[in-house]
Amino acid sequence: MSDREWTSAEKKIARRAFEAALEAALAAVMAEFKTKAAAATTPDDMWSVERFLRERRREIDETFDYRYSQLPVVFGRLILDGHLDEARLTGLSEDKLEEIRRYVSFIQRS
């Protein structure tokens, strides 16, 4: 990416978008957890819920990487996963938006 520097305004936009996407992802996990926990009737079911939570936590920890060098890829992944709408990124430089779009396009073609 040719425009590596993040302005103060872009950092604020990125942080708000990142936090909103994280909140959406956690809400989805919470809803699924509640469904699974309510349906658990055996010890095996209980451990299945625990495995589910452990796996989701690992996925979230791997996906939500707030290093500026990684944000274009992170935002692309979050758009693809449905946790982020590109409109939330309005105000980022065109170079950054293009990098995010290229990533989304590349993954969609794969």
PDB file of N, CA and C in Angstrom:
ATOM      1  N   MET A   1       0.856  -1.168   0.000  1.00  0.00           N
ATOM      2  CA  MET A   1       0.000   0.000   0.000  1.00  0.00           C
ATOM      3  C   MET A   1       0.894   1.220   0.000  1.00  0.00           C
ATOM      4  N   SER A   2       0.645   2.151  -0.877  1.00  0.00           N
ATOM      5  CA  SER A   2       1.503   3.317  -0.993  1.00  0.00           C
ATOM      6  C   SER A   2       1.243   4.339   0.109  1.00  0.00           C
ATOM      7  N   ASP A   3       0.078   4.360   0.675  1.00  0.00           N
ATOM      8  CA  ASP A   3      -0.279   5.342   1.697  1.00  0.00           C
ATOM      9  C   ASP A   3      -0.285   4.670   3.070  1.00  0.00           C
ATOM     10  N   ARG A   4       0.907   4.430   3.624  1.00  0.00           N
ATOM     11  CA  ARG A   4       1.039   3.685   4.882  1.00  0.00           C
ATOM     12  C   ARG A   4       0.683   4.517   6.112  1.00  0.00           C
ATOM     13  N   GLU A   5       0.816   5.802   6.026  1.00  0.00           N
ATOM     14  CA  GLU A   5       0.551   6.650   7.185  1.00  0.00           C
ATOM     15  C   GLU A   5      -0.950   6.797   7.418  1.00  0.00           C
ATOM     16  N   TRP A   6      -1.333   6.730   8.666  1.00  0.00           N
ATOM     17  CA  TRP A   6      -2.728   6.911   9.051  1.00  0.00           C
ATOM     18  C   TRP A   6      -2.850   8.267   9.735  1.00  0.00           C
ATOM     19  N   THR A   7      -3.698   9.116   9.199  1.00  0.00           N
ATOM     20  CA  THR A   7      -3.913  10.416   9.820  1.00  0.00           C
ATOM     21  C   THR A   7      -4.697  10.232  11.113  1.00  0.00           C
ATOM     22  N   SER A   8      -4.718  11.261  11.896  1.00  0.00           N
ATOM     23  CA  SER A   8      -5.486  11.214  13.148  1.00  0.00           C
ATOM     24  C   SER A   8      -6.964  10.937  12.861  1.00  0.00           C
ATOM     25  N   ALA A   9      -7.490  11.575  11.844  1.00  0.00           N
ATOM     26  CA  ALA A   9      -8.906  11.361  11.483  1.00  0.00           C
ATOM     27  C   ALA A   9      -9.126   9.918  11.032  1.00  0.00           C
ATOM     28  N   GLU A  10      -8.200   9.370  10.230  1.00  0.00           N
ATOM     29  CA  GLU A  10      -8.340   7.988   9.777  1.00  0.00           C
ATOM     30  C   GLU A  10      -8.252   7.011  10.941  1.00  0.00           C
ATOM     31  N   LYS A  11      -7.398   7.302  11.901  1.00  0.00           N
ATOM     32  CA  LYS A  11      -7.275   6.431  13.073  1.00  0.00           C
ATOM     33  C   LYS A  11      -8.590   6.384  13.845  1.00  0.00           C
ATOM     34  N   LYS A  12      -9.254   7.522  13.953  1.00  0.00           N
ATOM     35  CA  LYS A  12     -10.549   7.562  14.646  1.00  0.00           C
ATOM     36  C   LYS A  12     -11.607   6.774  13.888  1.00  0.00           C
ATOM     37  N   ILE A  13     -11.640   6.935  12.572  1.00  0.00           N
ATOM     38  CA  ILE A  13     -12.584   6.190  11.737  1.00  0.00           C
ATOM     39  C   ILE A  13     -12.320   4.701  11.867  1.00  0.00           C
ATOM     40  N   ALA A  14     -11.048   4.328  11.770  1.00  0.00           N
ATOM     41  CA  ALA A  14     -10.665   2.912  11.840  1.00  0.00           C
ATOM     42  C   ALA A  14     -11.037   2.319  13.197  1.00  0.00           C
ATOM     43  N   ARG A  15     -10.785   3.044  14.255  1.00  0.00           N
ATOM     44  CA  ARG A  15     -11.090   2.530  15.600  1.00  0.00           C
ATOM     45  C   ARG A  15     -12.587   2.326  15.760  1.00  0.00           C
ATOM     46  N   ARG A  16     -13.393   3.294  15.310  1.00  0.00           N
ATOM     47  CA  ARG A  16     -14.855   3.163  15.432  1.00  0.00           C
ATOM     48  C   ARG A  16     -15.360   1.972  14.616  1.00  0.00           C
ATOM     49  N   ALA A  17     -14.856   1.830  13.404  1.00  0.00           N
ATOM     50  CA  ALA A  17     -15.272   0.709  12.552  1.00  0.00           C
ATOM     51  C   ALA A  17     -14.849  -0.622  13.166  1.00  0.00           C
ATOM     52  N   PHE A  18     -13.626  -0.678  13.663  1.00  0.00           N
ATOM     53  CA  PHE A  18     -13.093  -1.891  14.282  1.00  0.00           C
ATOM     54  C   PHE A  18     -13.936  -2.279  15.497  1.00  0.00           C
ATOM     55  N   GLU A  19     -14.206  -1.334  16.364  1.00  0.00           N
ATOM     56  CA  GLU A  19     -14.986  -1.606  17.578  1.00  0.00           C
ATOM     57  C   GLU A  19     -16.412  -2.033  17.237  1.00  0.00           C
ATOM     58  N   ALA A  20     -17.018  -1.401  16.235  1.00  0.00           N
ATOM     59  CA  ALA A  20     -18.373  -1.780  15.835  1.00  0.00           C
ATOM     60  C   ALA A  20     -18.392  -3.210  15.288  1.00  0.00           C
ATOM     61  N   ALA A  21     -17.380  -3.558  14.499  1.00  0.00           N
ATOM     62  CA  ALA A  21     -17.301  -4.913  13.942  1.00  0.00           C
ATOM     63  C   ALA A  21     -17.063  -5.934  15.049  1.00  0.00           C
ATOM     64  N   LEU A  22     -16.203  -5.603  16.001  1.00  0.00           N
ATOM     65  CA  LEU A  22     -15.948  -6.502  17.125  1.00  0.00           C
ATOM     66  C   LEU A  22     -17.225  -6.714  17.932  1.00  0.00           C
ATOM     67  N   GLU A  23     -17.944  -5.644  18.174  1.00  0.00           N
ATOM     68  CA  GLU A  23     -19.206  -5.752  18.907  1.00  0.00           C
ATOM     69  C   GLU A  23     -20.197  -6.641  18.162  1.00  0.00           C
ATOM     70  N   ALA A  24     -20.264  -6.494  16.839  1.00  0.00           N
ATOM     71  CA  ALA A  24     -21.171  -7.323  16.039  1.00  0.00           C
ATOM     72  C   ALA A  24     -20.757  -8.792  16.094  1.00  0.00           C
ATOM     73  N   ALA A  25     -19.470  -9.053  15.978  1.00  0.00           N
ATOM     74  CA  ALA A  25     -18.980 -10.440  16.024  1.00  0.00           C
ATOM     75  C   ALA A  25     -19.253 -11.063  17.385  1.00  0.00           C
ATOM     76  N   LEU A  26     -19.007 -10.310  18.448  1.00  0.00           N
ATOM     77  CA  LEU A  26     -19.240 -10.839  19.794  1.00  0.00           C
ATOM     78  C   LEU A  26     -20.727 -11.062  20.048  1.00  0.00           C
ATOM     79  N   ALA A  27     -21.569 -10.185  19.521  1.00  0.00           N
ATOM     80  CA  ALA A  27     -23.013 -10.364  19.678  1.00  0.00           C
ATOM     81  C   ALA A  27     -23.476 -11.640  18.975  1.00  0.00           C
ATOM     82  N   ALA A  28     -22.910 -11.914  17.810  1.00  0.00           N
ATOM     83  CA  ALA A  28     -23.271 -13.137  17.084  1.00  0.00           C
ATOM     84  C   ALA A  28     -22.837 -14.373  17.864  1.00  0.00           C
ATOM     85  N   VAL A  29     -21.636 -14.332  18.433  1.00  0.00           N
ATOM     86  CA  VAL A  29     -21.148 -15.461  19.230  1.00  0.00           C
ATOM     87  C   VAL A  29     -22.018 -15.632  20.473  1.00  0.00           C
ATOM     88  N   MET A  30     -22.359 -14.531  21.115  1.00  0.00           N
ATOM     89  CA  MET A  30     -23.179 -14.580  22.322  1.00  0.00           C
ATOM     90  C   MET A  30     -24.542 -15.208  22.028  1.00  0.00           C
ATOM     91  N   ALA A  31     -25.146 -14.812  20.919  1.00  0.00           N
ATOM     92  CA  ALA A  31     -26.453 -15.365  20.558  1.00  0.00           C
ATOM     93  C   ALA A  31     -26.353 -16.864  20.306  1.00  0.00           C
ATOM     94  N   GLU A  32     -25.317 -17.279  19.583  1.00  0.00           N
ATOM     95  CA  GLU A  32     -25.150 -18.705  19.303  1.00  0.00           C
ATOM     96  C   GLU A  32     -24.836 -19.483  20.574  1.00  0.00           C
ATOM     97  N   PHE A  33     -24.022 -18.883  21.439  1.00  0.00           N
ATOM     98  CA  PHE A  33     -23.706 -19.514  22.726  1.00  0.00           C
ATOM     99  C   PHE A  33     -24.979 -19.746  23.544  1.00  0.00           C
ATOM    100  N   LYS A  34     -25.827 -18.742  23.630  1.00  0.00           N
ATOM    101  CA  LYS A  34     -27.058 -18.866  24.410  1.00  0.00           C
ATOM    102  C   LYS A  34     -27.944 -19.982  23.872  1.00  0.00           C
ATOM    103  N   THR A  35     -28.032 -20.079  22.564  1.00  0.00           N
ATOM    104  CA  THR A  35     -28.835 -21.139  21.946  1.00  0.00           C
ATOM    105  C   THR A  35     -28.268 -22.501  22.286  1.00  0.00           C
ATOM    106  N   LYS A  36     -26.948 -22.638  22.122  1.00  0.00           N
ATOM    107  CA  LYS A  36     -26.298 -23.925  22.399  1.00  0.00           C
ATOM    108  C   LYS A  36     -26.399 -24.282  23.884  1.00  0.00           C
ATOM    109  N   ALA A  37     -26.178 -23.311  24.750  1.00  0.00           N
ATOM    110  CA  ALA A  37     -26.229 -23.582  26.189  1.00  0.00           C
ATOM    111  C   ALA A  37     -27.642 -23.963  26.625  1.00  0.00           C
ATOM    112  N   ALA A  38     -28.639 -23.298  26.075  1.00  0.00           N
ATOM    113  CA  ALA A  38     -30.025 -23.609  26.434  1.00  0.00           C
ATOM    114  C   ALA A  38     -30.420 -25.012  25.972  1.00  0.00           C
ATOM    115  N   ALA A  39     -29.813 -25.455  24.883  1.00  0.00           N
ATOM    116  CA  ALA A  39     -30.147 -26.772  24.342  1.00  0.00           C
ATOM    117  C   ALA A  39     -29.335 -27.894  24.985  1.00  0.00           C
ATOM    118  N   ALA A  40     -28.321 -27.548  25.755  1.00  0.00           N
ATOM    119  CA  ALA A  40     -27.462 -28.575  26.360  1.00  0.00           C
ATOM    120  C   ALA A  40     -28.232 -29.350  27.424  1.00  0.00           C
ATOM    121  N   THR A  41     -28.170 -30.679  27.308  1.00  0.00           N
ATOM    122  CA  THR A  41     -28.872 -31.527  28.275  1.00  0.00           C
ATOM    123  C   THR A  41     -27.975 -32.599  28.872  1.00  0.00           C
ATOM    124  N   THR A  42     -26.784 -32.752  28.321  1.00  0.00           N
ATOM    125  CA  THR A  42     -25.874 -33.790  28.808  1.00  0.00           C
ATOM    126  C   THR A  42     -24.501 -33.174  29.060  1.00  0.00           C
ATOM    127  N   PRO A  43     -23.667 -33.871  29.819  1.00  0.00           N
ATOM    128  CA  PRO A  43     -22.300 -33.377  29.993  1.00  0.00           C
ATOM    129  C   PRO A  43     -21.566 -33.212  28.653  1.00  0.00           C
ATOM    130  N   ASP A  44     -21.796 -34.126  27.719  1.00  0.00           N
ATOM    131  CA  ASP A  44     -21.170 -33.982  26.401  1.00  0.00           C
ATOM    132  C   ASP A  44     -21.605 -32.686  25.714  1.00  0.00           C
ATOM    133  N   ASP A  45     -22.876 -32.343  25.861  1.00  0.00           N
ATOM    134  CA  ASP A  45     -23.371 -31.086  25.298  1.00  0.00           C
ATOM    135  C   ASP A  45     -22.659 -29.893  25.942  1.00  0.00           C
ATOM    136  N   MET A  46     -22.471 -29.977  27.243  1.00  0.00           N
ATOM    137  CA  MET A  46     -21.813 -28.902  27.977  1.00  0.00           C
ATOM    138  C   MET A  46     -20.387 -28.700  27.456  1.00  0.00           C
ATOM    139  N   TRP A  47     -19.658 -29.799  27.269  1.00  0.00           N
ATOM    140  CA  TRP A  47     -18.284 -29.683  26.781  1.00  0.00           C
ATOM    141  C   TRP A  47     -18.259 -29.221  25.337  1.00  0.00           C
ATOM    142  N   SER A  48     -19.288 -29.554  24.594  1.00  0.00           N
ATOM    143  CA  SER A  48     -19.398 -29.078  23.219  1.00  0.00           C
ATOM    144  C   SER A  48     -19.535 -27.551  23.197  1.00  0.00           C
ATOM    145  N   VAL A  49     -20.313 -27.028  24.118  1.00  0.00           N
ATOM    146  CA  VAL A  49     -20.472 -25.574  24.231  1.00  0.00           C
ATOM    147  C   VAL A  49     -19.132 -24.939  24.603  1.00  0.00           C
ATOM    148  N   GLU A  50     -18.416 -25.574  25.504  1.00  0.00           N
ATOM    149  CA  GLU A  50     -17.107 -25.048  25.899  1.00  0.00           C
ATOM    150  C   GLU A  50     -16.152 -25.032  24.706  1.00  0.00           C
ATOM    151  N   ARG A  51     -16.148 -26.099  23.911  1.00  0.00           N
ATOM    152  CA  ARG A  51     -15.293 -26.147  22.711  1.00  0.00           C
ATOM    153  C   ARG A  51     -15.688 -25.050  21.721  1.00  0.00           C
ATOM    154  N   PHE A  52     -16.978 -24.876  21.548  1.00  0.00           N
ATOM    155  CA  PHE A  52     -17.484 -23.824  20.671  1.00  0.00           C
ATOM    156  C   PHE A  52     -16.927 -22.462  21.096  1.00  0.00           C
ATOM    157  N   LEU A  53     -17.024 -22.160  22.388  1.00  0.00           N
ATOM    158  CA  LEU A  53     -16.535 -20.874  22.887  1.00  0.00           C
ATOM    159  C   LEU A  53     -15.031 -20.726  22.692  1.00  0.00           C
ATOM    160  N   ARG A  54     -14.303 -21.788  22.973  1.00  0.00           N
ATOM    161  CA  ARG A  54     -12.845 -21.743  22.811  1.00  0.00           C
ATOM    162  C   ARG A  54     -12.469 -21.478  21.356  1.00  0.00           C
ATOM    163  N   GLU A  55     -13.149 -22.150  20.429  1.00  0.00           N
ATOM    164  CA  GLU A  55     -12.874 -21.962  19.002  1.00  0.00           C
ATOM    165  C   GLU A  55     -13.239 -20.548  18.544  1.00  0.00           C
ATOM    166  N   ARG A  56     -14.388 -20.055  18.974  1.00  0.00           N
ATOM    167  CA  ARG A  56     -14.781 -18.703  18.580  1.00  0.00           C
ATOM    168  C   ARG A  56     -13.814 -17.661  19.149  1.00  0.00           C
ATOM    169  N   ARG A  57     -13.373 -17.875  20.385  1.00  0.00           N
ATOM    170  CA  ARG A  57     -12.427 -16.924  20.978  1.00  0.00           C
ATOM    171  C   ARG A  57     -11.134 -16.888  20.179  1.00  0.00           C
ATOM    172  N   ARG A  58     -10.646 -18.061  19.777  1.00  0.00           N
ATOM    173  CA  ARG A  58      -9.424 -18.127  18.974  1.00  0.00           C
ATOM    174  C   ARG A  58      -9.630 -17.403  17.648  1.00  0.00           C
ATOM    175  N   GLU A  59     -10.758 -17.644  17.001  1.00  0.00           N
ATOM    176  CA  GLU A  59     -11.056 -16.986  15.728  1.00  0.00           C
ATOM    177  C   GLU A  59     -11.113 -15.469  15.884  1.00  0.00           C
ATOM    178  N   ILE A  60     -11.766 -15.011  16.926  1.00  0.00           N
ATOM    179  CA  ILE A  60     -11.874 -13.574  17.156  1.00  0.00           C
ATOM    180  C   ILE A  60     -10.499 -12.984  17.448  1.00  0.00           C
ATOM    181  N   ASP A  61      -9.722 -13.639  18.283  1.00  0.00           N
ATOM    182  CA  ASP A  61      -8.380 -13.154  18.587  1.00  0.00           C
ATOM    183  C   ASP A  61      -7.505 -13.079  17.336  1.00  0.00           C
ATOM    184  N   GLU A  62      -7.660 -14.044  16.433  1.00  0.00           N
ATOM    185  CA  GLU A  62      -6.869 -14.046  15.200  1.00  0.00           C
ATOM    186  C   GLU A  62      -7.368 -13.005  14.198  1.00  0.00           C
ATOM    187  N   THR A  63      -8.660 -12.799  14.142  1.00  0.00           N
ATOM    188  CA  THR A  63      -9.245 -11.890  13.155  1.00  0.00           C
ATOM    189  C   THR A  63      -9.061 -10.431  13.542  1.00  0.00           C
ATOM    190  N   PHE A  64      -9.295 -10.104  14.786  1.00  0.00           N
ATOM    191  CA  PHE A  64      -9.317  -8.707  15.219  1.00  0.00           C
ATOM    192  C   PHE A  64      -7.923  -8.258  15.647  1.00  0.00           C
ATOM    193  N   ASP A  65      -7.138  -7.883  14.653  1.00  0.00           N
ATOM    194  CA  ASP A  65      -5.744  -7.455  14.826  1.00  0.00           C
ATOM    195  C   ASP A  65      -5.684  -5.958  14.517  1.00  0.00           C
ATOM    196  N   TYR A  66      -5.519  -5.142  15.557  1.00  0.00           N
ATOM    197  CA  TYR A  66      -5.568  -3.693  15.348  1.00  0.00           C
ATOM    198  C   TYR A  66      -4.177  -3.091  15.133  1.00  0.00           C
ATOM    199  N   ARG A  67      -3.380  -3.714  14.327  1.00  0.00           N
ATOM    200  CA  ARG A  67      -2.132  -3.078  13.892  1.00  0.00           C
ATOM    201  C   ARG A  67      -2.450  -2.367  12.584  1.00  0.00           C
ATOM    202  N   TYR A  68      -2.036  -1.119  12.466  1.00  0.00           N
ATOM    203  CA  TYR A  68      -2.381  -0.344  11.285  1.00  0.00           C
ATOM    204  C   TYR A  68      -1.920  -1.029  10.003  1.00  0.00           C
ATOM    205  N   SER A  69      -0.790  -1.715  10.057  1.00  0.00           N
ATOM    206  CA  SER A  69      -0.297  -2.407   8.867  1.00  0.00           C
ATOM    207  C   SER A  69      -1.231  -3.545   8.448  1.00  0.00           C
ATOM    208  N   GLN A  70      -2.024  -4.059   9.374  1.00  0.00           N
ATOM    209  CA  GLN A  70      -2.919  -5.182   9.095  1.00  0.00           C
ATOM    210  C   GLN A  70      -4.361  -4.772   8.859  1.00  0.00           C
ATOM    211  N   LEU A  71      -4.717  -3.545   9.176  1.00  0.00           N
ATOM    212  CA  LEU A  71      -6.122  -3.137   9.122  1.00  0.00           C
ATOM    213  C   LEU A  71      -6.783  -3.303   7.755  1.00  0.00           C
ATOM    214  N   PRO A  72      -6.111  -3.017   6.647  1.00  0.00           N
ATOM    215  CA  PRO A  72      -6.805  -3.235   5.368  1.00  0.00           C
ATOM    216  C   PRO A  72      -7.251  -4.689   5.181  1.00  0.00           C
ATOM    217  N   VAL A  73      -6.416  -5.632   5.551  1.00  0.00           N
ATOM    218  CA  VAL A  73      -6.787  -7.049   5.447  1.00  0.00           C
ATOM    219  C   VAL A  73      -7.869  -7.383   6.468  1.00  0.00           C
ATOM    220  N   VAL A  74      -7.711  -6.880   7.681  1.00  0.00           N
ATOM    221  CA  VAL A  74      -8.713  -7.125   8.731  1.00  0.00           C
ATOM    222  C   VAL A  74     -10.065  -6.572   8.287  1.00  0.00           C
ATOM    223  N   PHE A  75     -10.089  -5.347   7.792  1.00  0.00           N
ATOM    224  CA  PHE A  75     -11.358  -4.761   7.354  1.00  0.00           C
ATOM    225  C   PHE A  75     -11.949  -5.547   6.184  1.00  0.00           C
ATOM    226  N   GLY A  76     -11.119  -5.988   5.272  1.00  0.00           N
ATOM    227  CA  GLY A  76     -11.613  -6.811   4.167  1.00  0.00           C
ATOM    228  C   GLY A  76     -12.268  -8.085   4.662  1.00  0.00           C
ATOM    229  N   ARG A  77     -11.596  -8.752   5.595  1.00  0.00           N
ATOM    230  CA  ARG A  77     -12.141  -9.995   6.169  1.00  0.00           C
ATOM    231  C   ARG A  77     -13.457  -9.723   6.894  1.00  0.00           C
ATOM    232  N   LEU A  78     -13.517  -8.624   7.628  1.00  0.00           N
ATOM    233  CA  LEU A  78     -14.730  -8.291   8.373  1.00  0.00           C
ATOM    234  C   LEU A  78     -15.888  -7.958   7.443  1.00  0.00           C
ATOM    235  N   ILE A  79     -15.588  -7.330   6.314  1.00  0.00           N
ATOM    236  CA  ILE A  79     -16.627  -7.066   5.313  1.00  0.00           C
ATOM    237  C   ILE A  79     -17.137  -8.390   4.765  1.00  0.00           C
ATOM    238  N   LEU A  80     -16.219  -9.274   4.405  1.00  0.00           N
ATOM    239  CA  LEU A  80     -16.609 -10.578   3.866  1.00  0.00           C
ATOM    240  C   LEU A  80     -17.415 -11.392   4.869  1.00  0.00           C
ATOM    241  N   ASP A  81     -17.071 -11.289   6.147  1.00  0.00           N
ATOM    242  CA  ASP A  81     -17.762 -12.044   7.190  1.00  0.00           C
ATOM    243  C   ASP A  81     -19.089 -11.404   7.592  1.00  0.00           C
ATOM    244  N   GLY A  82     -19.377 -10.219   7.049  1.00  0.00           N
ATOM    245  CA  GLY A  82     -20.638  -9.550   7.355  1.00  0.00           C
ATOM    246  C   GLY A  82     -20.652  -8.780   8.660  1.00  0.00           C
ATOM    247  N   HIS A  83     -19.474  -8.559   9.231  1.00  0.00           N
ATOM    248  CA  HIS A  83     -19.402  -7.819  10.500  1.00  0.00           C
ATOM    249  C   HIS A  83     -19.166  -6.326  10.293  1.00  0.00           C
ATOM    250  N   LEU A  84     -18.860  -5.943   9.054  1.00  0.00           N
ATOM    251  CA  LEU A  84     -18.528  -4.548   8.778  1.00  0.00           C
ATOM    252  C   LEU A  84     -19.066  -4.167   7.410  1.00  0.00           C
ATOM    253  N   ASP A  85     -19.621  -2.979   7.331  1.00  0.00           N
ATOM    254  CA  ASP A  85     -20.077  -2.414   6.068  1.00  0.00           C
ATOM    255  C   ASP A  85     -19.028  -1.387   5.626  1.00  0.00           C
ATOM    256  N   GLU A  86     -18.663  -1.436   4.360  1.00  0.00           N
ATOM    257  CA  GLU A  86     -17.632  -0.517   3.859  1.00  0.00           C
ATOM    258  C   GLU A  86     -17.980   0.944   4.124  1.00  0.00           C
ATOM    259  N   ALA A  87     -19.248   1.260   4.207  1.00  0.00           N
ATOM    260  CA  ALA A  87     -19.664   2.644   4.458  1.00  0.00           C
ATOM    261  C   ALA A  87     -19.085   3.179   5.766  1.00  0.00           C
ATOM    262  N   ARG A  88     -18.822   2.303   6.734  1.00  0.00           N
ATOM    263  CA  ARG A  88     -18.240   2.733   8.009  1.00  0.00           C
ATOM    264  C   ARG A  88     -16.803   3.215   7.836  1.00  0.00           C
ATOM    265  N   LEU A  89     -16.213   2.915   6.697  1.00  0.00           N
ATOM    266  CA  LEU A  89     -14.817   3.279   6.445  1.00  0.00           C
ATOM    267  C   LEU A  89     -14.689   4.572   5.651  1.00  0.00           C
ATOM    268  N   THR A  90     -15.816   5.215   5.379  1.00  0.00           N
ATOM    269  CA  THR A  90     -15.797   6.485   4.661  1.00  0.00           C
ATOM    270  C   THR A  90     -14.913   7.471   5.423  1.00  0.00           C
ATOM    271  N   GLY A  91     -13.995   8.071   4.683  1.00  0.00           N
ATOM    272  CA  GLY A  91     -13.051   9.016   5.293  1.00  0.00           C
ATOM    273  C   GLY A  91     -11.628   8.503   5.265  1.00  0.00           C
ATOM    274  N   LEU A  92     -11.470   7.180   5.030  1.00  0.00           N
ATOM    275  CA  LEU A  92     -10.121   6.645   4.839  1.00  0.00           C
ATOM    276  C   LEU A  92      -9.636   7.084   3.463  1.00  0.00           C
ATOM    277  N   SER A  93      -8.324   7.145   3.289  1.00  0.00           N
ATOM    278  CA  SER A  93      -7.773   7.537   1.990  1.00  0.00           C
ATOM    279  C   SER A  93      -8.208   6.546   0.925  1.00  0.00           C
ATOM    280  N   GLU A  94      -8.251   7.016  -0.298  1.00  0.00           N
ATOM    281  CA  GLU A  94      -8.654   6.150  -1.410  1.00  0.00           C
ATOM    282  C   GLU A  94      -7.688   4.973  -1.548  1.00  0.00           C
ATOM    283  N   ASP A  95      -6.407   5.179  -1.268  1.00  0.00           N
ATOM    284  CA  ASP A  95      -5.439   4.072  -1.323  1.00  0.00           C
ATOM    285  C   ASP A  95      -5.815   2.959  -0.351  1.00  0.00           C
ATOM    286  N   LYS A  96      -6.184   3.333   0.848  1.00  0.00           N
ATOM    287  CA  LYS A  96      -6.562   2.328   1.852  1.00  0.00           C
ATOM    288  C   LYS A  96      -7.855   1.614   1.449  1.00  0.00           C
ATOM    289  N   LEU A  97      -8.819   2.385   0.986  1.00  0.00           N
ATOM    290  CA  LEU A  97     -10.085   1.778   0.553  1.00  0.00           C
ATOM    291  C   LEU A  97      -9.862   0.839  -0.623  1.00  0.00           C
ATOM    292  N   GLU A  98      -9.012   1.221  -1.546  1.00  0.00           N
ATOM    293  CA  GLU A  98      -8.715   0.356  -2.692  1.00  0.00           C
ATOM    294  C   GLU A  98      -8.031  -0.929  -2.252  1.00  0.00           C
ATOM    295  N   GLU A  99      -7.133  -0.839  -1.301  1.00  0.00           N
ATOM    296  CA  GLU A  99      -6.476  -2.049  -0.812  1.00  0.00           C
ATOM    297  C   GLU A  99      -7.495  -2.986  -0.167  1.00  0.00           C
ATOM    298  N   ILE A 100      -8.414  -2.441   0.591  1.00  0.00           N
ATOM    299  CA  ILE A 100      -9.473  -3.245   1.216  1.00  0.00           C
ATOM    300  C   ILE A 100     -10.332  -3.899   0.134  1.00  0.00           C
ATOM    301  N   ARG A 101     -10.710  -3.116  -0.867  1.00  0.00           N
ATOM    302  CA  ARG A 101     -11.537  -3.658  -1.959  1.00  0.00           C
ATOM    303  C   ARG A 101     -10.803  -4.748  -2.740  1.00  0.00           C
ATOM    304  N   ARG A 102      -9.510  -4.546  -2.987  1.00  0.00           N
ATOM    305  CA  ARG A 102      -8.727  -5.571  -3.696  1.00  0.00           C
ATOM    306  C   ARG A 102      -8.709  -6.867  -2.905  1.00  0.00           C
ATOM    307  N   TYR A 103      -8.536  -6.768  -1.598  1.00  0.00           N
ATOM    308  CA  TYR A 103      -8.533  -7.959  -0.764  1.00  0.00           C
ATOM    309  C   TYR A 103      -9.883  -8.681  -0.846  1.00  0.00           C
ATOM    310  N   VAL A 104     -10.958  -7.938  -0.704  1.00  0.00           N
ATOM    311  CA  VAL A 104     -12.312  -8.522  -0.773  1.00  0.00           C
ATOM    312  C   VAL A 104     -12.507  -9.202  -2.123  1.00  0.00           C
ATOM    313  N   SER A 105     -12.134  -8.509  -3.191  1.00  0.00           N
ATOM    314  CA  SER A 105     -12.296  -9.054  -4.543  1.00  0.00           C
ATOM    315  C   SER A 105     -11.461 -10.322  -4.722  1.00  0.00           C
ATOM    316  N   PHE A 106     -10.237 -10.309  -4.236  1.00  0.00           N
ATOM    317  CA  PHE A 106      -9.357 -11.471  -4.361  1.00  0.00           C
ATOM    318  C   PHE A 106      -9.948 -12.679  -3.647  1.00  0.00           C
ATOM    319  N   ILE A 107     -10.420 -12.492  -2.435  1.00  0.00           N
ATOM    320  CA  ILE A 107     -10.990 -13.596  -1.658  1.00  0.00           C
ATOM    321  C   ILE A 107     -12.270 -14.100  -2.303  1.00  0.00           C
ATOM    322  N   GLN A 108     -13.086 -13.198  -2.814  1.00  0.00           N
ATOM    323  CA  GLN A 108     -14.335 -13.612  -3.459  1.00  0.00           C
ATOM    324  C   GLN A 108     -14.073 -14.447  -4.712  1.00  0.00           C
ATOM    325  N   ARG A 109     -12.983 -14.172  -5.404  1.00  0.00           N
ATOM    326  CA  ARG A 109     -12.649 -14.920  -6.616  1.00  0.00           C
ATOM    327  C   ARG A 109     -12.014 -16.260  -6.294  1.00  0.00           C
ATOM    328  N   SER A 110     -11.450 -16.383  -5.093  1.00  0.00           N
ATOM    329  CA  SER A 110     -10.734 -17.620  -4.722  1.00  0.00           C
ATOM    330  C   SER A 110     -11.667 -18.778  -4.510  1.00  0.00           C
TER     331      SER A 110
END
